[in-house]
Amino acid sequence: FRVADETYGIDIMELKEIIKPRETTEVPHAPPFVAGVLSLRGIIIPV
């Protein structure tokens, strides 16, 4: 996948799925690199 102008990669075995961006819920006092959390089929995951 591309981030900025660089190509990065992860082991395919660590991949669960790929989804389109959706609205997230902000988490108070979260680091700036955490967009928030979202619900994926009832499971809350940080983004």
PDB file of all heavy atoms in Angstrom:
ATOM      1  N   PHE A   1       0.859  -1.190   0.000  1.00  0.00           N
ATOM      2  CA  PHE A   1       0.000   0.000   0.000  1.00  0.00           C
ATOM      3  C   PHE A   1       0.896   1.241   0.000  1.00  0.00           C
ATOM      4  O   PHE A   1       2.076   1.190   0.356  1.00  0.00           O
ATOM      5  CB  PHE A   1      -0.949  -0.001   1.206  1.00  0.00           C
ATOM      6  CG  PHE A   1      -0.304  -0.340   2.515  1.00  0.00           C
ATOM      7  CD1 PHE A   1       0.389   0.624   3.244  1.00  0.00           C
ATOM      8  CD2 PHE A   1      -0.374  -1.625   3.019  1.00  0.00           C
ATOM      9  CE1 PHE A   1       0.985   0.317   4.445  1.00  0.00           C
ATOM     10  CE2 PHE A   1       0.227  -1.947   4.227  1.00  0.00           C
ATOM     11  CZ  PHE A   1       0.910  -0.967   4.948  1.00  0.00           C
ATOM     12  N   ARG A   2       0.293   2.331  -0.418  1.00  0.00           N
ATOM     13  CA  ARG A   2       1.040   3.588  -0.526  1.00  0.00           C
ATOM     14  C   ARG A   2       0.647   4.511   0.612  1.00  0.00           C
ATOM     15  O   ARG A   2      -0.524   4.666   0.929  1.00  0.00           O
ATOM     16  CB  ARG A   2       0.753   4.245  -1.873  1.00  0.00           C
ATOM     17  CG  ARG A   2       1.559   5.513  -2.135  1.00  0.00           C
ATOM     18  CD  ARG A   2       1.217   6.073  -3.507  1.00  0.00           C
ATOM     19  NE  ARG A   2      -0.222   6.373  -3.607  1.00  0.00           N
ATOM     20  CZ  ARG A   2      -0.784   7.495  -3.124  1.00  0.00           C
ATOM     21  NH1 ARG A   2      -0.045   8.406  -2.491  1.00  0.00           N
ATOM     22  NH2 ARG A   2      -2.074   7.689  -3.275  1.00  0.00           N
ATOM     23  N   VAL A   3       1.643   5.126   1.192  1.00  0.00           N
ATOM     24  CA  VAL A   3       1.466   6.165   2.208  1.00  0.00           C
ATOM     25  C   VAL A   3       2.374   7.321   1.800  1.00  0.00           C
ATOM     26  O   VAL A   3       3.592   7.133   1.716  1.00  0.00           O
ATOM     27  CB  VAL A   3       1.815   5.676   3.621  1.00  0.00           C
ATOM     28  CG1 VAL A   3       1.605   6.794   4.644  1.00  0.00           C
ATOM     29  CG2 VAL A   3       0.983   4.450   3.998  1.00  0.00           C
ATOM     30  N   ALA A   4       1.735   8.480   1.536  1.00  0.00           N
ATOM     31  CA  ALA A   4       2.479   9.600   0.955  1.00  0.00           C
ATOM     32  C   ALA A   4       3.086   9.133  -0.367  1.00  0.00           C
ATOM     33  O   ALA A   4       2.356   8.652  -1.233  1.00  0.00           O
ATOM     34  CB  ALA A   4       3.517  10.133   1.923  1.00  0.00           C
ATOM     35  N   ASP A   5       4.394   9.226  -0.511  1.00  0.00           N
ATOM     36  CA  ASP A   5       5.021   8.806  -1.767  1.00  0.00           C
ATOM     37  C   ASP A   5       5.814   7.513  -1.617  1.00  0.00           C
ATOM     38  O   ASP A   5       6.602   7.165  -2.499  1.00  0.00           O
ATOM     39  CB  ASP A   5       5.951   9.927  -2.276  1.00  0.00           C
ATOM     40  CG  ASP A   5       5.184  11.177  -2.670  1.00  0.00           C
ATOM     41  OD1 ASP A   5       4.024  11.031  -3.117  1.00  0.00           O
ATOM     42  OD2 ASP A   5       5.724  12.281  -2.505  1.00  0.00           O
ATOM     43  N   GLU A   6       5.607   6.806  -0.529  1.00  0.00           N
ATOM     44  CA  GLU A   6       6.372   5.588  -0.278  1.00  0.00           C
ATOM     45  C   GLU A   6       5.465   4.357  -0.334  1.00  0.00           C
ATOM     46  O   GLU A   6       4.253   4.446  -0.090  1.00  0.00           O
ATOM     47  CB  GLU A   6       7.048   5.649   1.098  1.00  0.00           C
ATOM     48  CG  GLU A   6       7.980   6.845   1.291  1.00  0.00           C
ATOM     49  CD  GLU A   6       9.195   6.800   0.383  1.00  0.00           C
ATOM     50  OE1 GLU A   6       9.548   5.705  -0.101  1.00  0.00           O
ATOM     51  OE2 GLU A   6       9.800   7.869   0.143  1.00  0.00           O
ATOM     52  N   THR A   7       6.095   3.216  -0.673  1.00  0.00           N
ATOM     53  CA  THR A   7       5.385   1.941  -0.704  1.00  0.00           C
ATOM     54  C   THR A   7       5.759   1.123   0.524  1.00  0.00           C
ATOM     55  O   THR A   7       6.943   0.871   0.781  1.00  0.00           O
ATOM     56  CB  THR A   7       5.726   1.153  -1.981  1.00  0.00           C
ATOM     57  OG1 THR A   7       5.354   1.912  -3.127  1.00  0.00           O
ATOM     58  CG2 THR A   7       4.984  -0.173  -2.008  1.00  0.00           C
ATOM     59  N   TYR A   8       4.729   0.737   1.239  1.00  0.00           N
ATOM     60  CA  TYR A   8       4.933  -0.068   2.445  1.00  0.00           C
ATOM     61  C   TYR A   8       4.249  -1.423   2.256  1.00  0.00           C
ATOM     62  O   TYR A   8       3.405  -1.588   1.365  1.00  0.00           O
ATOM     63  CB  TYR A   8       4.368   0.646   3.676  1.00  0.00           C
ATOM     64  CG  TYR A   8       5.131   1.908   4.044  1.00  0.00           C
ATOM     65  CD1 TYR A   8       4.831   3.122   3.433  1.00  0.00           C
ATOM     66  CD2 TYR A   8       6.142   1.877   4.995  1.00  0.00           C
ATOM     67  CE1 TYR A   8       5.526   4.276   3.762  1.00  0.00           C
ATOM     68  CE2 TYR A   8       6.842   3.019   5.338  1.00  0.00           C
ATOM     69  CZ  TYR A   8       6.532   4.208   4.716  1.00  0.00           C
ATOM     70  OH  TYR A   8       7.226   5.349   5.034  1.00  0.00           O
ATOM     71  N   GLY A   9       4.593  -2.353   3.128  1.00  0.00           N
ATOM     72  CA  GLY A   9       3.999  -3.677   3.022  1.00  0.00           C
ATOM     73  C   GLY A   9       3.928  -4.363   4.374  1.00  0.00           C
ATOM     74  O   GLY A   9       4.694  -4.056   5.285  1.00  0.00           O
ATOM     75  N   ILE A  10       2.972  -5.282   4.486  1.00  0.00           N
ATOM     76  CA  ILE A  10       2.837  -6.131   5.670  1.00  0.00           C
ATOM     77  C   ILE A  10       2.644  -7.570   5.206  1.00  0.00           C
ATOM     78  O   ILE A  10       2.225  -7.828   4.068  1.00  0.00           O
ATOM     79  CB  ILE A  10       1.650  -5.693   6.563  1.00  0.00           C
ATOM     80  CG1 ILE A  10       0.323  -5.792   5.781  1.00  0.00           C
ATOM     81  CG2 ILE A  10       1.859  -4.300   7.120  1.00  0.00           C
ATOM     82  CD1 ILE A  10      -0.919  -5.573   6.638  1.00  0.00           C
ATOM     83  N   ASP A  11       2.944  -8.485   6.092  1.00  0.00           N
ATOM     84  CA  ASP A  11       2.733  -9.912   5.803  1.00  0.00           C
ATOM     85  C   ASP A  11       1.235 -10.141   5.586  1.00  0.00           C
ATOM     86  O   ASP A  11       0.401  -9.713   6.392  1.00  0.00           O
ATOM     87  CB  ASP A  11       3.240 -10.747   6.971  1.00  0.00           C
ATOM     88  CG  ASP A  11       3.229 -12.245   6.671  1.00  0.00           C
ATOM     89  OD1 ASP A  11       2.573 -12.662   5.696  1.00  0.00           O
ATOM     90  OD2 ASP A  11       3.871 -12.996   7.432  1.00  0.00           O
ATOM     91  N   ILE A  12       0.891 -10.820   4.490  1.00  0.00           N
ATOM     92  CA  ILE A  12      -0.515 -11.051   4.159  1.00  0.00           C
ATOM     93  C   ILE A  12      -1.227 -11.848   5.250  1.00  0.00           C
ATOM     94  O   ILE A  12      -2.455 -11.749   5.411  1.00  0.00           O
ATOM     95  CB  ILE A  12      -0.625 -11.774   2.795  1.00  0.00           C
ATOM     96  CG1 ILE A  12      -2.044 -11.693   2.239  1.00  0.00           C
ATOM     97  CG2 ILE A  12      -0.161 -13.213   2.925  1.00  0.00           C
ATOM     98  CD1 ILE A  12      -2.440 -10.334   1.788  1.00  0.00           C
ATOM     99  N   MET A  13      -0.478 -12.618   6.033  1.00  0.00           N
ATOM    100  CA  MET A  13      -1.080 -13.404   7.090  1.00  0.00           C
ATOM    101  C   MET A  13      -1.583 -12.538   8.238  1.00  0.00           C
ATOM    102  O   MET A  13      -2.380 -12.994   9.058  1.00  0.00           O
ATOM    103  CB  MET A  13      -0.069 -14.433   7.630  1.00  0.00           C
ATOM    104  CG  MET A  13       0.412 -15.421   6.591  1.00  0.00           C
ATOM    105  SD  MET A  13      -0.957 -16.333   5.812  1.00  0.00           S
ATOM    106  CE  MET A  13      -1.577 -17.239   7.218  1.00  0.00           C
ATOM    107  N   GLU A  14      -1.131 -11.298   8.309  1.00  0.00           N
ATOM    108  CA  GLU A  14      -1.593 -10.380   9.363  1.00  0.00           C
ATOM    109  C   GLU A  14      -2.839  -9.606   8.942  1.00  0.00           C
ATOM    110  O   GLU A  14      -3.435  -8.901   9.758  1.00  0.00           O
ATOM    111  CB  GLU A  14      -0.476  -9.402   9.723  1.00  0.00           C
ATOM    112  CG  GLU A  14       0.755 -10.088  10.301  1.00  0.00           C
ATOM    113  CD  GLU A  14       1.886  -9.111  10.564  1.00  0.00           C
ATOM    114  OE1 GLU A  14       2.279  -8.392   9.622  1.00  0.00           O
ATOM    115  OE2 GLU A  14       2.359  -9.061  11.716  1.00  0.00           O
ATOM    116  N   LEU A  15      -3.234  -9.756   7.686  1.00  0.00           N
ATOM    117  CA  LEU A  15      -4.384  -9.019   7.157  1.00  0.00           C
ATOM    118  C   LEU A  15      -5.688  -9.713   7.504  1.00  0.00           C
ATOM    119  O   LEU A  15      -5.814 -10.929   7.373  1.00  0.00           O
ATOM    120  CB  LEU A  15      -4.264  -8.885   5.641  1.00  0.00           C
ATOM    121  CG  LEU A  15      -5.453  -8.247   4.909  1.00  0.00           C
ATOM    122  CD1 LEU A  15      -5.611  -6.783   5.306  1.00  0.00           C
ATOM    123  CD2 LEU A  15      -5.302  -8.402   3.412  1.00  0.00           C
ATOM    124  N   LYS A  16      -6.672  -8.906   7.938  1.00  0.00           N
ATOM    125  CA  LYS A  16      -8.010  -9.426   8.202  1.00  0.00           C
ATOM    126  C   LYS A  16      -8.951  -9.065   7.052  1.00  0.00           C
ATOM    127  O   LYS A  16      -9.604  -9.921   6.489  1.00  0.00           O
ATOM    128  CB  LYS A  16      -8.533  -8.858   9.524  1.00  0.00           C
ATOM    129  CG  LYS A  16      -9.925  -9.339   9.898  1.00  0.00           C
ATOM    130  CD  LYS A  16      -9.960 -10.845  10.132  1.00  0.00           C
ATOM    131  CE  LYS A  16     -11.332 -11.311  10.579  1.00  0.00           C
ATOM    132  NZ  LYS A  16     -11.388 -12.765  10.768  1.00  0.00           N
ATOM    133  N   GLU A  17      -9.022  -7.798   6.697  1.00  0.00           N
ATOM    134  CA  GLU A  17      -9.828  -7.353   5.568  1.00  0.00           C
ATOM    135  C   GLU A  17      -9.482  -5.915   5.235  1.00  0.00           C
ATOM    136  O   GLU A  17      -8.720  -5.253   5.962  1.00  0.00           O
ATOM    137  CB  GLU A  17     -11.325  -7.481   5.864  1.00  0.00           C
ATOM    138  CG  GLU A  17     -11.816  -6.682   7.058  1.00  0.00           C
ATOM    139  CD  GLU A  17     -13.290  -6.897   7.320  1.00  0.00           C
ATOM    140  OE1 GLU A  17     -14.084  -6.513   6.437  1.00  0.00           O
ATOM    141  OE2 GLU A  17     -13.635  -7.456   8.381  1.00  0.00           O
ATOM    142  N   ILE A  18     -10.043  -5.433   4.119  1.00  0.00           N
ATOM    143  CA  ILE A  18      -9.826  -4.047   3.673  1.00  0.00           C
ATOM    144  C   ILE A  18     -11.196  -3.407   3.475  1.00  0.00           C
ATOM    145  O   ILE A  18     -12.055  -3.958   2.781  1.00  0.00           O
ATOM    146  CB  ILE A  18      -9.020  -4.005   2.358  1.00  0.00           C
ATOM    147  CG1 ILE A  18      -7.651  -4.668   2.569  1.00  0.00           C
ATOM    148  CG2 ILE A  18      -8.849  -2.569   1.880  1.00  0.00           C
ATOM    149  CD1 ILE A  18      -6.866  -4.833   1.288  1.00  0.00           C
ATOM    150  N   ILE A  19     -11.391  -2.229   4.080  1.00  0.00           N
ATOM    151  CA  ILE A  19     -12.686  -1.548   3.990  1.00  0.00           C
ATOM    152  C   ILE A  19     -12.467  -0.092   3.562  1.00  0.00           C
ATOM    153  O   ILE A  19     -11.351   0.444   3.662  1.00  0.00           O
ATOM    154  CB  ILE A  19     -13.452  -1.589   5.330  1.00  0.00           C
ATOM    155  CG1 ILE A  19     -12.652  -0.880   6.422  1.00  0.00           C
ATOM    156  CG2 ILE A  19     -13.750  -3.028   5.736  1.00  0.00           C
ATOM    157  CD1 ILE A  19     -13.367  -0.774   7.756  1.00  0.00           C
ATOM    158  N   LYS A  20     -13.522   0.505   3.084  1.00  0.00           N
ATOM    159  CA  LYS A  20     -13.453   1.928   2.733  1.00  0.00           C
ATOM    160  C   LYS A  20     -13.509   2.772   4.004  1.00  0.00           C
ATOM    161  O   LYS A  20     -14.061   2.341   5.027  1.00  0.00           O
ATOM    162  CB  LYS A  20     -14.612   2.291   1.814  1.00  0.00           C
ATOM    163  CG  LYS A  20     -14.506   1.671   0.431  1.00  0.00           C
ATOM    164  CD  LYS A  20     -15.664   2.151  -0.454  1.00  0.00           C
ATOM    165  CE  LYS A  20     -15.537   1.581  -1.858  1.00  0.00           C
ATOM    166  NZ  LYS A  20     -16.630   2.054  -2.758  1.00  0.00           N
ATOM    167  N   PRO A  21     -12.939   3.983   3.945  1.00  0.00           N
ATOM    168  CA  PRO A  21     -12.979   4.852   5.126  1.00  0.00           C
ATOM    169  C   PRO A  21     -14.415   5.148   5.541  1.00  0.00           C
ATOM    170  O   PRO A  21     -15.311   5.261   4.699  1.00  0.00           O
ATOM    171  CB  PRO A  21     -12.253   6.120   4.671  1.00  0.00           C
ATOM    172  CG  PRO A  21     -11.393   5.662   3.533  1.00  0.00           C
ATOM    173  CD  PRO A  21     -12.158   4.591   2.849  1.00  0.00           C
ATOM    174  N   ARG A  22     -14.640   5.243   6.813  1.00  0.00           N
ATOM    175  CA  ARG A  22     -15.951   5.579   7.354  1.00  0.00           C
ATOM    176  C   ARG A  22     -15.768   6.477   8.572  1.00  0.00           C
ATOM    177  O   ARG A  22     -14.651   6.642   9.073  1.00  0.00           O
ATOM    178  CB  ARG A  22     -16.717   4.314   7.714  1.00  0.00           C
ATOM    179  CG  ARG A  22     -16.030   3.451   8.760  1.00  0.00           C
ATOM    180  CD  ARG A  22     -16.768   2.142   9.005  1.00  0.00           C
ATOM    181  NE  ARG A  22     -16.729   1.274   7.823  1.00  0.00           N
ATOM    182  CZ  ARG A  22     -17.284   0.070   7.792  1.00  0.00           C
ATOM    183  NH1 ARG A  22     -17.939  -0.385   8.862  1.00  0.00           N
ATOM    184  NH2 ARG A  22     -17.199  -0.676   6.710  1.00  0.00           N
ATOM    185  N   GLU A  23     -16.860   7.023   9.016  1.00  0.00           N
ATOM    186  CA  GLU A  23     -16.794   7.949  10.144  1.00  0.00           C
ATOM    187  C   GLU A  23     -16.355   7.224  11.410  1.00  0.00           C
ATOM    188  O   GLU A  23     -16.794   6.116  11.689  1.00  0.00           O
ATOM    189  CB  GLU A  23     -18.171   8.592  10.364  1.00  0.00           C
ATOM    190  CG  GLU A  23     -18.172   9.657  11.434  1.00  0.00           C
ATOM    191  CD  GLU A  23     -19.536  10.310  11.590  1.00  0.00           C
ATOM    192  OE1 GLU A  23     -20.445   9.976  10.797  1.00  0.00           O
ATOM    193  OE2 GLU A  23     -19.693  11.136  12.507  1.00  0.00           O
ATOM    194  N   THR A  24     -15.489   7.891  12.134  1.00  0.00           N
ATOM    195  CA  THR A  24     -14.978   7.323  13.378  1.00  0.00           C
ATOM    196  C   THR A  24     -15.399   8.193  14.561  1.00  0.00           C
ATOM    197  O   THR A  24     -15.741   9.360  14.406  1.00  0.00           O
ATOM    198  CB  THR A  24     -13.442   7.225  13.359  1.00  0.00           C
ATOM    199  OG1 THR A  24     -12.888   8.538  13.185  1.00  0.00           O
ATOM    200  CG2 THR A  24     -12.973   6.304  12.250  1.00  0.00           C
ATOM    201  N   THR A  25     -15.364   7.608  15.725  1.00  0.00           N
ATOM    202  CA  THR A  25     -15.683   8.330  16.959  1.00  0.00           C
ATOM    203  C   THR A  25     -14.379   8.670  17.661  1.00  0.00           C
ATOM    204  O   THR A  25     -13.549   7.779  17.922  1.00  0.00           O
ATOM    205  CB  THR A  25     -16.551   7.445  17.881  1.00  0.00           C
ATOM    206  OG1 THR A  25     -17.751   7.090  17.192  1.00  0.00           O
ATOM    207  CG2 THR A  25     -16.892   8.188  19.161  1.00  0.00           C
ATOM    208  N   GLU A  26     -14.180   9.939  17.934  1.00  0.00           N
ATOM    209  CA  GLU A  26     -12.940  10.377  18.561  1.00  0.00           C
ATOM    210  C   GLU A  26     -12.846   9.855  19.995  1.00  0.00           C
ATOM    211  O   GLU A  26     -13.853   9.719  20.701  1.00  0.00           O
ATOM    212  CB  GLU A  26     -12.838  11.905  18.558  1.00  0.00           C
ATOM    213  CG  GLU A  26     -12.695  12.496  17.168  1.00  0.00           C
ATOM    214  CD  GLU A  26     -12.491  13.998  17.212  1.00  0.00           C
ATOM    215  OE1 GLU A  26     -12.371  14.549  18.346  1.00  0.00           O
ATOM    216  OE2 GLU A  26     -12.448  14.627  16.145  1.00  0.00           O
ATOM    217  N   VAL A  27     -11.610   9.599  20.393  1.00  0.00           N
ATOM    218  CA  VAL A  27     -11.333   9.125  21.743  1.00  0.00           C
ATOM    219  C   VAL A  27     -10.604  10.240  22.491  1.00  0.00           C
ATOM    220  O   VAL A  27      -9.571  10.743  22.015  1.00  0.00           O
ATOM    221  CB  VAL A  27     -10.474   7.851  21.721  1.00  0.00           C
ATOM    222  CG1 VAL A  27     -10.148   7.391  23.146  1.00  0.00           C
ATOM    223  CG2 VAL A  27     -11.185   6.754  20.955  1.00  0.00           C
ATOM    224  N   PRO A  28     -11.124  10.669  23.653  1.00  0.00           N
ATOM    225  CA  PRO A  28     -10.461  11.751  24.400  1.00  0.00           C
ATOM    226  C   PRO A  28      -9.022  11.410  24.763  1.00  0.00           C
ATOM    227  O   PRO A  28      -8.718  10.262  25.118  1.00  0.00           O
ATOM    228  CB  PRO A  28     -11.331  11.904  25.658  1.00  0.00           C
ATOM    229  CG  PRO A  28     -12.651  11.331  25.276  1.00  0.00           C
ATOM    230  CD  PRO A  28     -12.349  10.208  24.304  1.00  0.00           C
ATOM    231  N   HIS A  29      -8.158  12.395  24.635  1.00  0.00           N
ATOM    232  CA  HIS A  29      -6.740  12.286  24.992  1.00  0.00           C
ATOM    233  C   HIS A  29      -6.017  11.210  24.180  1.00  0.00           C
ATOM    234  O   HIS A  29      -4.986  10.684  24.626  1.00  0.00           O
ATOM    235  CB  HIS A  29      -6.576  11.988  26.491  1.00  0.00           C
ATOM    236  CG  HIS A  29      -7.302  12.943  27.381  1.00  0.00           C
ATOM    237  ND1 HIS A  29      -6.934  14.272  27.512  1.00  0.00           N
ATOM    238  CD2 HIS A  29      -8.402  12.773  28.171  1.00  0.00           C
ATOM    239  CE1 HIS A  29      -7.761  14.891  28.356  1.00  0.00           C
ATOM    240  NE2 HIS A  29      -8.667  13.993  28.772  1.00  0.00           N
ATOM    241  N   ALA A  30      -6.536  10.890  23.026  1.00  0.00           N
ATOM    242  CA  ALA A  30      -5.866   9.906  22.163  1.00  0.00           C
ATOM    243  C   ALA A  30      -4.701  10.580  21.453  1.00  0.00           C
ATOM    244  O   ALA A  30      -4.719  11.790  21.185  1.00  0.00           O
ATOM    245  CB  ALA A  30      -6.848   9.337  21.154  1.00  0.00           C
ATOM    246  N   PRO A  31      -3.666   9.856  21.108  1.00  0.00           N
ATOM    247  CA  PRO A  31      -2.548  10.414  20.350  1.00  0.00           C
ATOM    248  C   PRO A  31      -3.034  10.964  19.012  1.00  0.00           C
ATOM    249  O   PRO A  31      -4.069  10.519  18.481  1.00  0.00           O
ATOM    250  CB  PRO A  31      -1.617   9.224  20.165  1.00  0.00           C
ATOM    251  CG  PRO A  31      -1.987   8.253  21.232  1.00  0.00           C
ATOM    252  CD  PRO A  31      -3.455   8.431  21.453  1.00  0.00           C
ATOM    253  N   PRO A  32      -2.314  11.894  18.420  1.00  0.00           N
ATOM    254  CA  PRO A  32      -2.764  12.495  17.145  1.00  0.00           C
ATOM    255  C   PRO A  32      -2.842  11.509  15.986  1.00  0.00           C
ATOM    256  O   PRO A  32      -3.549  11.757  15.005  1.00  0.00           O
ATOM    257  CB  PRO A  32      -1.712  13.585  16.885  1.00  0.00           C
ATOM    258  CG  PRO A  32      -0.533  13.212  17.710  1.00  0.00           C
ATOM    259  CD  PRO A  32      -1.068  12.496  18.897  1.00  0.00           C
ATOM    260  N   PHE A  33      -2.117  10.411  16.065  1.00  0.00           N
ATOM    261  CA  PHE A  33      -2.149   9.434  14.968  1.00  0.00           C
ATOM    262  C   PHE A  33      -3.324   8.471  15.089  1.00  0.00           C
ATOM    263  O   PHE A  33      -3.484   7.607  14.238  1.00  0.00           O
ATOM    264  CB  PHE A  33      -0.820   8.661  14.887  1.00  0.00           C
ATOM    265  CG  PHE A  33      -0.395   8.007  16.183  1.00  0.00           C
ATOM    266  CD1 PHE A  33      -0.935   6.797  16.584  1.00  0.00           C
ATOM    267  CD2 PHE A  33       0.551   8.607  16.982  1.00  0.00           C
ATOM    268  CE1 PHE A  33      -0.547   6.201  17.761  1.00  0.00           C
ATOM    269  CE2 PHE A  33       0.950   8.010  18.170  1.00  0.00           C
ATOM    270  CZ  PHE A  33       0.402   6.799  18.567  1.00  0.00           C
ATOM    271  N   VAL A  34      -4.155   8.599  16.127  1.00  0.00           N
ATOM    272  CA  VAL A  34      -5.346   7.757  16.276  1.00  0.00           C
ATOM    273  C   VAL A  34      -6.555   8.566  15.846  1.00  0.00           C
ATOM    274  O   VAL A  34      -6.915   9.566  16.479  1.00  0.00           O
ATOM    275  CB  VAL A  34      -5.507   7.249  17.732  1.00  0.00           C
ATOM    276  CG1 VAL A  34      -6.796   6.438  17.869  1.00  0.00           C
ATOM    277  CG2 VAL A  34      -4.302   6.415  18.149  1.00  0.00           C
ATOM    278  N   ALA A  35      -7.164   8.153  14.735  1.00  0.00           N
ATOM    279  CA  ALA A  35      -8.321   8.876  14.205  1.00  0.00           C
ATOM    280  C   ALA A  35      -9.543   8.696  15.086  1.00  0.00           C
ATOM    281  O   ALA A  35     -10.439   9.549  15.098  1.00  0.00           O
ATOM    282  CB  ALA A  35      -8.616   8.418  12.783  1.00  0.00           C
ATOM    283  N   GLY A  36      -9.618   7.615  15.809  1.00  0.00           N
ATOM    284  CA  GLY A  36     -10.763   7.303  16.659  1.00  0.00           C
ATOM    285  C   GLY A  36     -11.062   5.811  16.589  1.00  0.00           C
ATOM    286  O   GLY A  36     -10.179   4.992  16.248  1.00  0.00           O
ATOM    287  N   VAL A  37     -12.292   5.479  16.898  1.00  0.00           N
ATOM    288  CA  VAL A  37     -12.694   4.070  16.868  1.00  0.00           C
ATOM    289  C   VAL A  37     -13.934   3.945  15.991  1.00  0.00           C
ATOM    290  O   VAL A  37     -14.673   4.912  15.781  1.00  0.00           O
ATOM    291  CB  VAL A  37     -12.974   3.528  18.282  1.00  0.00           C
ATOM    292  CG1 VAL A  37     -11.706   3.545  19.128  1.00  0.00           C
ATOM    293  CG2 VAL A  37     -14.082   4.317  18.959  1.00  0.00           C
ATOM    294  N   LEU A  38     -14.127   2.754  15.464  1.00  0.00           N
ATOM    295  CA  LEU A  38     -15.335   2.473  14.684  1.00  0.00           C
ATOM    296  C   LEU A  38     -15.817   1.072  15.018  1.00  0.00           C
ATOM    297  O   LEU A  38     -15.082   0.253  15.573  1.00  0.00           O
ATOM    298  CB  LEU A  38     -15.077   2.645  13.187  1.00  0.00           C
ATOM    299  CG  LEU A  38     -13.975   1.795  12.519  1.00  0.00           C
ATOM    300  CD1 LEU A  38     -14.453   0.391  12.200  1.00  0.00           C
ATOM    301  CD2 LEU A  38     -13.496   2.473  11.240  1.00  0.00           C
ATOM    302  N   SER A  39     -17.065   0.800  14.658  1.00  0.00           N
ATOM    303  CA  SER A  39     -17.658  -0.509  14.907  1.00  0.00           C
ATOM    304  C   SER A  39     -17.663  -1.301  13.605  1.00  0.00           C
ATOM    305  O   SER A  39     -18.238  -0.869  12.602  1.00  0.00           O
ATOM    306  CB  SER A  39     -19.090  -0.346  15.435  1.00  0.00           C
ATOM    307  OG  SER A  39     -19.691  -1.616  15.609  1.00  0.00           O
ATOM    308  N   LEU A  40     -17.011  -2.452  13.648  1.00  0.00           N
ATOM    309  CA  LEU A  40     -16.946  -3.339  12.485  1.00  0.00           C
ATOM    310  C   LEU A  40     -17.677  -4.624  12.839  1.00  0.00           C
ATOM    311  O   LEU A  40     -17.139  -5.476  13.553  1.00  0.00           O
ATOM    312  CB  LEU A  40     -15.485  -3.622  12.110  1.00  0.00           C
ATOM    313  CG  LEU A  40     -15.265  -4.529  10.898  1.00  0.00           C
ATOM    314  CD1 LEU A  40     -15.809  -3.880   9.634  1.00  0.00           C
ATOM    315  CD2 LEU A  40     -13.783  -4.858  10.735  1.00  0.00           C
ATOM    316  N   ARG A  41     -18.923  -4.715  12.374  1.00  0.00           N
ATOM    317  CA  ARG A  41     -19.779  -5.872  12.672  1.00  0.00           C
ATOM    318  C   ARG A  41     -19.838  -6.148  14.181  1.00  0.00           C
ATOM    319  O   ARG A  41     -19.688  -7.274  14.644  1.00  0.00           O
ATOM    320  CB  ARG A  41     -19.302  -7.111  11.905  1.00  0.00           C
ATOM    321  CG  ARG A  41     -19.538  -7.007  10.408  1.00  0.00           C
ATOM    322  CD  ARG A  41     -19.183  -8.309   9.721  1.00  0.00           C
ATOM    323  NE  ARG A  41     -17.759  -8.568   9.783  1.00  0.00           N
ATOM    324  CZ  ARG A  41     -16.856  -8.050   8.973  1.00  0.00           C
ATOM    325  NH1 ARG A  41     -17.250  -7.225   7.991  1.00  0.00           N
ATOM    326  NH2 ARG A  41     -15.581  -8.327   9.083  1.00  0.00           N
ATOM    327  N   GLY A  42     -20.017  -5.059  14.919  1.00  0.00           N
ATOM    328  CA  GLY A  42     -20.172  -5.174  16.360  1.00  0.00           C
ATOM    329  C   GLY A  42     -18.878  -5.166  17.139  1.00  0.00           C
ATOM    330  O   GLY A  42     -18.901  -5.175  18.374  1.00  0.00           O
ATOM    331  N   ILE A  43     -17.744  -5.136  16.448  1.00  0.00           N
ATOM    332  CA  ILE A  43     -16.437  -5.126  17.118  1.00  0.00           C
ATOM    333  C   ILE A  43     -15.860  -3.712  17.047  1.00  0.00           C
ATOM    334  O   ILE A  43     -15.755  -3.134  15.964  1.00  0.00           O
ATOM    335  CB  ILE A  43     -15.464  -6.125  16.473  1.00  0.00           C
ATOM    336  CG1 ILE A  43     -16.046  -7.541  16.526  1.00  0.00           C
ATOM    337  CG2 ILE A  43     -14.107  -6.081  17.152  1.00  0.00           C
ATOM    338  CD1 ILE A  43     -15.206  -8.577  15.821  1.00  0.00           C
ATOM    339  N   ILE A  44     -15.498  -3.145  18.183  1.00  0.00           N
ATOM    340  CA  ILE A  44     -14.915  -1.809  18.228  1.00  0.00           C
ATOM    341  C   ILE A  44     -13.422  -1.922  17.971  1.00  0.00           C
ATOM    342  O   ILE A  44     -12.707  -2.650  18.669  1.00  0.00           O
ATOM    343  CB  ILE A  44     -15.167  -1.147  19.595  1.00  0.00           C
ATOM    344  CG1 ILE A  44     -16.670  -1.093  19.893  1.00  0.00           C
ATOM    345  CG2 ILE A  44     -14.563   0.242  19.631  1.00  0.00           C
ATOM    346  CD1 ILE A  44     -17.463  -0.296  18.889  1.00  0.00           C
ATOM    347  N   ILE A  45     -12.942  -1.193  16.954  1.00  0.00           N
ATOM    348  CA  ILE A  45     -11.521  -1.224  16.628  1.00  0.00           C
ATOM    349  C   ILE A  45     -10.998   0.200  16.527  1.00  0.00           C
ATOM    350  O   ILE A  45     -11.687   1.109  16.045  1.00  0.00           O
ATOM    351  CB  ILE A  45     -11.266  -1.979  15.309  1.00  0.00           C
ATOM    352  CG1 ILE A  45     -11.899  -1.245  14.126  1.00  0.00           C
ATOM    353  CG2 ILE A  45     -11.779  -3.404  15.387  1.00  0.00           C
ATOM    354  CD1 ILE A  45     -11.536  -1.837  12.778  1.00  0.00           C
ATOM    355  N   PRO A  46      -9.776   0.456  16.978  1.00  0.00           N
ATOM    356  CA  PRO A  46      -9.151   1.769  16.791  1.00  0.00           C
ATOM    357  C   PRO A  46      -8.604   1.907  15.376  1.00  0.00           C
ATOM    358  O   PRO A  46      -8.216   0.913  14.752  1.00  0.00           O
ATOM    359  CB  PRO A  46      -8.041   1.776  17.832  1.00  0.00           C
ATOM    360  CG  PRO A  46      -7.665   0.334  17.980  1.00  0.00           C
ATOM    361  CD  PRO A  46      -8.928  -0.453  17.773  1.00  0.00           C
ATOM    362  N   VAL A  47      -8.572   3.121  14.882  1.00  0.00           N
ATOM    363  CA  VAL A  47      -8.048   3.385  13.535  1.00  0.00           C
ATOM    364  C   VAL A  47      -6.832   4.290  13.652  1.00  0.00           C
ATOM    365  O   VAL A  47      -6.925   5.403  14.203  1.00  0.00           O
ATOM    366  CB  VAL A  47      -9.120   4.036  12.632  1.00  0.00           C
ATOM    367  CG1 VAL A  47      -8.533   4.339  11.258  1.00  0.00           C
ATOM    368  CG2 VAL A  47     -10.330   3.112  12.498  1.00  0.00           C
TER     369      VAL A  47
END
